[in-house]
Amino acid sequence: MMPRQPIDRRIRMTAVLPKQATIDRAVKAVVKAGLTVGGIEIAPDGTVRVDTIEKTGHRDDDFEAWERASEDQHEGHSPG
């Protein structure tokens, strides 16, 4: 019996770029649903994420949402 080869536990992250047609279809579907496109994100695995803007016209990014939540938690509390 042959000795076992050690298992390579490293994960190789290579970007998979979607085709332009895939992105176009995703954006058209969002627009057809009556939403406004606020941004497009492409994950390393090729997943296309279309972010939308609420009817208010303001789009929160992750930092703004965190900052607002942090302010809400600390509102009314004095340091020390």
Protein backbone atom coordinates (compact mmCIF):
# COMPACT_ATOMS: atom_id res chain seq x y z
CA MET A 1 0.00 0.00 0.00
CA MET A 2 1.29 3.46 -0.93
CA PRO A 3 1.85 6.06 1.78
CA ARG A 4 -0.80 8.77 1.96
CA GLN A 5 -0.06 12.16 0.52
CA PRO A 6 -0.54 15.05 2.95
CA ILE A 7 -3.71 17.03 2.33
CA ASP A 8 -3.12 20.54 1.09
CA ARG A 9 -5.35 22.66 3.32
CA ARG A 10 -4.69 25.96 1.55
CA ILE A 11 -7.63 27.48 -0.24
CA ARG A 12 -6.93 29.11 -3.53
CA MET A 13 -9.03 32.22 -4.13
CA THR A 14 -9.23 33.03 -7.78
CA ALA A 15 -11.68 35.58 -9.07
CA VAL A 16 -14.36 34.34 -11.42
CA LEU A 17 -15.52 37.18 -13.61
CA PRO A 18 -19.13 37.01 -14.79
CA LYS A 19 -19.98 37.88 -18.36
CA GLN A 20 -21.38 41.31 -19.18
CA ALA A 21 -24.65 39.65 -20.23
CA THR A 22 -25.04 38.19 -16.72
CA ILE A 23 -24.64 41.61 -15.13
CA ASP A 24 -27.02 43.19 -17.67
CA ARG A 25 -29.71 40.59 -16.92
CA ALA A 26 -29.41 41.16 -13.17
CA VAL A 27 -29.66 44.95 -13.52
CA LYS A 28 -32.59 44.72 -15.97
CA ALA A 29 -34.47 42.43 -13.56
CA VAL A 30 -34.04 44.91 -10.70
CA VAL A 31 -35.16 47.84 -12.86
CA LYS A 32 -38.12 45.83 -14.21
CA ALA A 33 -39.17 45.18 -10.60
CA GLY A 34 -39.44 48.95 -10.16
CA LEU A 35 -36.34 49.42 -8.02
CA THR A 36 -33.46 51.85 -8.48
CA VAL A 37 -29.97 50.41 -8.82
CA GLY A 38 -27.58 51.85 -6.26
CA GLY A 39 -24.54 49.71 -6.99
CA ILE A 40 -23.24 46.40 -8.21
CA GLU A 41 -20.93 44.08 -6.30
CA ILE A 42 -19.12 41.09 -7.79
CA ALA A 43 -17.90 38.49 -5.31
CA PRO A 44 -14.71 36.47 -5.90
CA ASP A 45 -16.84 33.42 -6.70
CA GLY A 46 -18.60 35.32 -9.51
CA THR A 47 -21.81 36.11 -7.65
CA VAL A 48 -23.39 39.35 -8.89
CA ARG A 49 -25.14 41.41 -6.20
CA VAL A 50 -27.25 44.40 -7.23
CA ASP A 51 -27.84 46.88 -4.43
CA THR A 52 -30.90 49.09 -4.58
CA ILE A 53 -31.73 52.58 -3.34
CA GLU A 54 -34.80 53.09 -1.22
CA LYS A 55 -37.47 55.51 -2.39
CA THR A 56 -36.02 58.16 -0.04
CA GLY A 57 -33.08 58.46 -2.40
CA HIS A 58 -30.47 57.81 0.29
CA ARG A 59 -28.34 54.71 0.25
CA ASP A 60 -26.65 53.67 3.51
CA ASP A 61 -23.39 51.87 3.24
CA ASP A 62 -22.30 49.40 5.91
CA PHE A 63 -20.23 51.98 7.77
CA GLU A 64 -23.10 54.48 7.95
CA ALA A 65 -25.43 51.79 9.31
CA TRP A 66 -22.85 50.79 11.95
CA GLU A 67 -22.18 54.40 12.89
CA ARG A 68 -25.91 55.14 13.29
CA ALA A 69 -26.43 52.01 15.41
CA SER A 70 -23.42 52.91 17.55
CA GLU A 71 -24.76 56.43 18.12
CA ASP A 72 -28.18 55.04 19.05
CA GLN A 73 -26.62 52.72 21.64
CA HIS A 74 -24.55 55.47 23.24
CA GLU A 75 -27.18 58.20 23.10
CA GLY A 76 -27.83 59.62 26.55
CA HIS A 77 -24.79 57.90 28.11
CA SER A 78 -21.91 60.06 29.32
CA PRO A 79 -18.40 58.55 29.27
CA GLY A 80 -16.82 57.58 32.56
